[in-house]
Structures are given as C-alpha cells and as structure tokens.
N, C-alpha and C. Protein backbone atom coordinates (compact mmCIF):
# COMPACT_ATOMS: atom_id res chain seq x y z
N UNK A 1 -105.52 -111.95 -14.37
CA UNK A 1 -104.18 -112.21 -14.89
C UNK A 1 -104.04 -113.70 -15.14
N UNK A 2 -103.53 -114.06 -16.29
CA UNK A 2 -103.35 -115.46 -16.66
C UNK A 2 -101.90 -115.86 -16.44
N UNK A 3 -101.72 -116.96 -15.75
CA UNK A 3 -100.38 -117.47 -15.51
C UNK A 3 -99.96 -118.32 -16.70
N UNK A 4 -98.73 -118.17 -17.13
CA UNK A 4 -98.21 -119.01 -18.19
C UNK A 4 -97.01 -119.75 -17.64
N UNK A 5 -96.88 -120.99 -18.04
CA UNK A 5 -95.81 -121.83 -17.51
C UNK A 5 -94.62 -121.88 -18.44
N UNK A 6 -93.58 -122.54 -18.00
CA UNK A 6 -92.37 -122.77 -18.79
C UNK A 6 -91.79 -121.48 -19.32
N UNK A 7 -91.57 -120.53 -18.46
CA UNK A 7 -90.96 -119.29 -18.91
C UNK A 7 -91.82 -118.54 -19.90
N UNK A 8 -93.12 -118.58 -19.71
CA UNK A 8 -94.02 -117.84 -20.59
C UNK A 8 -94.76 -118.70 -21.59
N UNK A 9 -94.46 -120.00 -21.63
CA UNK A 9 -95.17 -120.88 -22.56
C UNK A 9 -96.43 -121.41 -21.90
N UNK A 10 -97.54 -121.21 -22.55
CA UNK A 10 -98.81 -121.74 -22.06
C UNK A 10 -98.85 -123.23 -22.34
N UNK A 11 -99.34 -124.05 -21.39
CA UNK A 11 -99.44 -125.48 -21.66
C UNK A 11 -100.25 -125.76 -22.93
N UNK A 12 -99.86 -126.80 -23.63
CA UNK A 12 -100.48 -127.16 -24.91
C UNK A 12 -101.93 -127.59 -24.72
N UNK A 13 -102.16 -128.48 -23.78
CA UNK A 13 -103.50 -129.03 -23.55
C UNK A 13 -104.35 -127.98 -22.83
N UNK A 14 -105.50 -127.61 -23.39
CA UNK A 14 -106.33 -126.59 -22.75
C UNK A 14 -106.76 -126.96 -21.33
N UNK A 15 -107.00 -128.24 -21.06
CA UNK A 15 -107.39 -128.65 -19.71
C UNK A 15 -106.24 -128.45 -18.73
N UNK A 16 -105.02 -128.74 -19.17
CA UNK A 16 -103.85 -128.51 -18.31
C UNK A 16 -103.67 -127.01 -18.10
N UNK A 17 -103.82 -126.23 -19.16
CA UNK A 17 -103.68 -124.77 -19.04
C UNK A 17 -104.68 -124.21 -18.05
N UNK A 18 -105.92 -124.68 -18.10
CA UNK A 18 -106.94 -124.21 -17.15
C UNK A 18 -106.58 -124.59 -15.72
N UNK A 19 -106.10 -125.81 -15.53
CA UNK A 19 -105.73 -126.27 -14.19
C UNK A 19 -104.55 -125.46 -13.66
N UNK A 20 -103.56 -125.22 -14.49
CA UNK A 20 -102.38 -124.47 -14.07
C UNK A 20 -102.75 -123.02 -13.72
N UNK A 21 -103.70 -122.46 -14.44
CA UNK A 21 -104.13 -121.09 -14.16
C UNK A 21 -104.72 -120.95 -12.76
N UNK A 22 -105.21 -122.06 -12.21
CA UNK A 22 -105.80 -122.03 -10.87
C UNK A 22 -104.82 -122.34 -9.75
N UNK A 23 -103.57 -122.59 -10.07
CA UNK A 23 -102.58 -122.91 -9.05
C UNK A 23 -102.05 -121.64 -8.40
N UNK A 24 -101.65 -121.76 -7.12
CA UNK A 24 -100.99 -120.62 -6.49
C UNK A 24 -99.53 -120.58 -6.96
N UNK A 25 -98.79 -119.59 -6.53
CA UNK A 25 -97.43 -119.38 -7.03
C UNK A 25 -96.51 -120.57 -6.73
N UNK A 26 -96.59 -121.12 -5.52
CA UNK A 26 -95.74 -122.26 -5.17
C UNK A 26 -96.09 -123.49 -6.00
N UNK A 27 -97.37 -123.73 -6.16
CA UNK A 27 -97.81 -124.88 -6.94
C UNK A 27 -97.42 -124.72 -8.41
N UNK A 28 -97.56 -123.52 -8.94
CA UNK A 28 -97.20 -123.27 -10.34
C UNK A 28 -95.70 -123.46 -10.56
N UNK A 29 -94.91 -123.00 -9.61
CA UNK A 29 -93.46 -123.18 -9.73
C UNK A 29 -93.10 -124.67 -9.71
N UNK A 30 -93.73 -125.42 -8.82
CA UNK A 30 -93.51 -126.86 -8.75
C UNK A 30 -93.86 -127.50 -10.09
N UNK A 31 -95.03 -127.16 -10.63
CA UNK A 31 -95.47 -127.68 -11.93
C UNK A 31 -94.46 -127.35 -13.02
N UNK A 32 -94.06 -126.10 -13.10
CA UNK A 32 -93.14 -125.66 -14.16
C UNK A 32 -91.81 -126.40 -14.09
N UNK A 33 -91.28 -126.55 -12.88
CA UNK A 33 -90.01 -127.25 -12.73
C UNK A 33 -90.13 -128.71 -13.15
N UNK A 34 -91.20 -129.37 -12.70
CA UNK A 34 -91.38 -130.78 -13.05
C UNK A 34 -91.55 -130.95 -14.55
N UNK A 35 -92.37 -130.12 -15.15
CA UNK A 35 -92.61 -130.23 -16.59
C UNK A 35 -91.32 -130.01 -17.38
N UNK A 36 -90.55 -129.02 -16.99
CA UNK A 36 -89.30 -128.72 -17.71
C UNK A 36 -88.31 -129.86 -17.59
N UNK A 37 -88.16 -130.40 -16.39
CA UNK A 37 -87.22 -131.51 -16.19
C UNK A 37 -87.64 -132.72 -17.02
N UNK A 38 -88.93 -133.04 -16.97
CA UNK A 38 -89.39 -134.21 -17.72
C UNK A 38 -89.26 -134.02 -19.22
N UNK A 39 -89.47 -132.80 -19.69
CA UNK A 39 -89.35 -132.54 -21.12
C UNK A 39 -87.89 -132.50 -21.57
N UNK A 40 -87.10 -131.69 -20.92
CA UNK A 40 -85.74 -131.45 -21.41
C UNK A 40 -84.73 -132.49 -20.95
N UNK A 41 -84.84 -132.94 -19.71
CA UNK A 41 -83.90 -133.95 -19.22
C UNK A 41 -84.43 -135.36 -19.43
N UNK A 42 -85.74 -135.52 -19.33
CA UNK A 42 -86.33 -136.85 -19.45
C UNK A 42 -86.72 -137.24 -20.86
N UNK A 43 -86.77 -136.27 -21.76
CA UNK A 43 -87.05 -136.57 -23.15
C UNK A 43 -88.52 -136.80 -23.48
N UNK A 44 -89.42 -136.45 -22.56
CA UNK A 44 -90.85 -136.59 -22.86
C UNK A 44 -91.29 -135.49 -23.81
N UNK A 45 -92.32 -135.80 -24.59
CA UNK A 45 -92.93 -134.75 -25.40
C UNK A 45 -93.50 -133.71 -24.44
N UNK A 46 -93.52 -132.48 -24.87
CA UNK A 46 -93.97 -131.38 -24.00
C UNK A 46 -95.36 -131.65 -23.43
N UNK A 47 -96.28 -132.07 -24.26
CA UNK A 47 -97.65 -132.31 -23.80
C UNK A 47 -97.68 -133.40 -22.73
N UNK A 48 -96.93 -134.46 -22.92
CA UNK A 48 -96.88 -135.53 -21.93
C UNK A 48 -96.22 -135.06 -20.63
N UNK A 49 -95.16 -134.28 -20.76
CA UNK A 49 -94.48 -133.74 -19.58
C UNK A 49 -95.41 -132.85 -18.77
N UNK A 50 -96.18 -132.02 -19.45
CA UNK A 50 -97.11 -131.13 -18.75
C UNK A 50 -98.21 -131.91 -18.04
N UNK A 51 -98.73 -132.92 -18.68
CA UNK A 51 -99.78 -133.73 -18.04
C UNK A 51 -99.24 -134.45 -16.81
N UNK A 52 -98.06 -135.04 -16.93
CA UNK A 52 -97.48 -135.74 -15.79
C UNK A 52 -97.10 -134.76 -14.68
N UNK A 53 -96.59 -133.60 -15.05
CA UNK A 53 -96.24 -132.59 -14.05
C UNK A 53 -97.48 -132.13 -13.29
N UNK A 54 -98.59 -131.99 -13.98
CA UNK A 54 -99.83 -131.60 -13.30
C UNK A 54 -100.26 -132.69 -12.33
N UNK A 55 -100.18 -133.94 -12.74
CA UNK A 55 -100.54 -135.05 -11.85
C UNK A 55 -99.64 -135.06 -10.62
N UNK A 56 -98.34 -134.86 -10.82
CA UNK A 56 -97.41 -134.83 -9.68
C UNK A 56 -97.69 -133.64 -8.77
N UNK A 57 -98.02 -132.51 -9.35
CA UNK A 57 -98.33 -131.32 -8.56
C UNK A 57 -99.56 -131.57 -7.70
N UNK A 58 -100.57 -132.15 -8.29
CA UNK A 58 -101.80 -132.44 -7.53
C UNK A 58 -101.51 -133.41 -6.38
N UNK A 59 -100.72 -134.45 -6.64
CA UNK A 59 -100.38 -135.40 -5.58
C UNK A 59 -99.55 -134.73 -4.49
N UNK A 60 -98.55 -133.98 -4.89
CA UNK A 60 -97.64 -133.35 -3.93
C UNK A 60 -98.37 -132.39 -2.99
N UNK A 61 -99.29 -131.62 -3.53
CA UNK A 61 -99.99 -130.61 -2.74
C UNK A 61 -101.35 -131.09 -2.22
N UNK A 62 -101.69 -132.35 -2.48
CA UNK A 62 -102.95 -132.89 -2.01
C UNK A 62 -104.16 -132.25 -2.66
N UNK A 63 -104.01 -131.86 -3.92
CA UNK A 63 -105.10 -131.23 -4.66
C UNK A 63 -105.98 -132.31 -5.28
N UNK A 64 -107.25 -132.00 -5.48
CA UNK A 64 -108.12 -132.98 -6.12
C UNK A 64 -107.70 -133.21 -7.58
N UNK A 65 -107.86 -134.42 -8.02
CA UNK A 65 -107.56 -134.72 -9.42
C UNK A 65 -108.77 -134.30 -10.24
N UNK A 66 -108.50 -133.68 -11.36
CA UNK A 66 -109.60 -133.14 -12.14
C UNK A 66 -109.95 -133.99 -13.24
C-alpha cells in the first residue's frame, strides 16, 4: 500500500515521495501537517514545503537524513 500525503496528494519530488512512503502513521501525519502549513499559511511552493517538512520530520523523530 502506498501512502499519499496532503489529503491524497503524492509529493512532487520522487525522493520525497519515496521517503514519505517509508514513514509510519505518526511520522506521516507530522509530515503532512508541516507541509500543509508551510505551503498554505507560509506561502512556500509545494515542492519546497514538502522538502522542508521532510527535513523537520526527520529531525523531530530522530530519523537519518537521506
């Protein structure tokens, strides 16, 4: 089963999409919330928001940076 972020939207960057597919449910929710806030409230381009959200998710959960 493939996880899709942002209410069903797959991340634009294939590397981000692959990384998100490997997250557990809590991590994926954290990623999705961060990406949405940065995109819609922060005004970042979607691709930039997703990349930054992934970096924040990795830091928050102590995951290795890829």
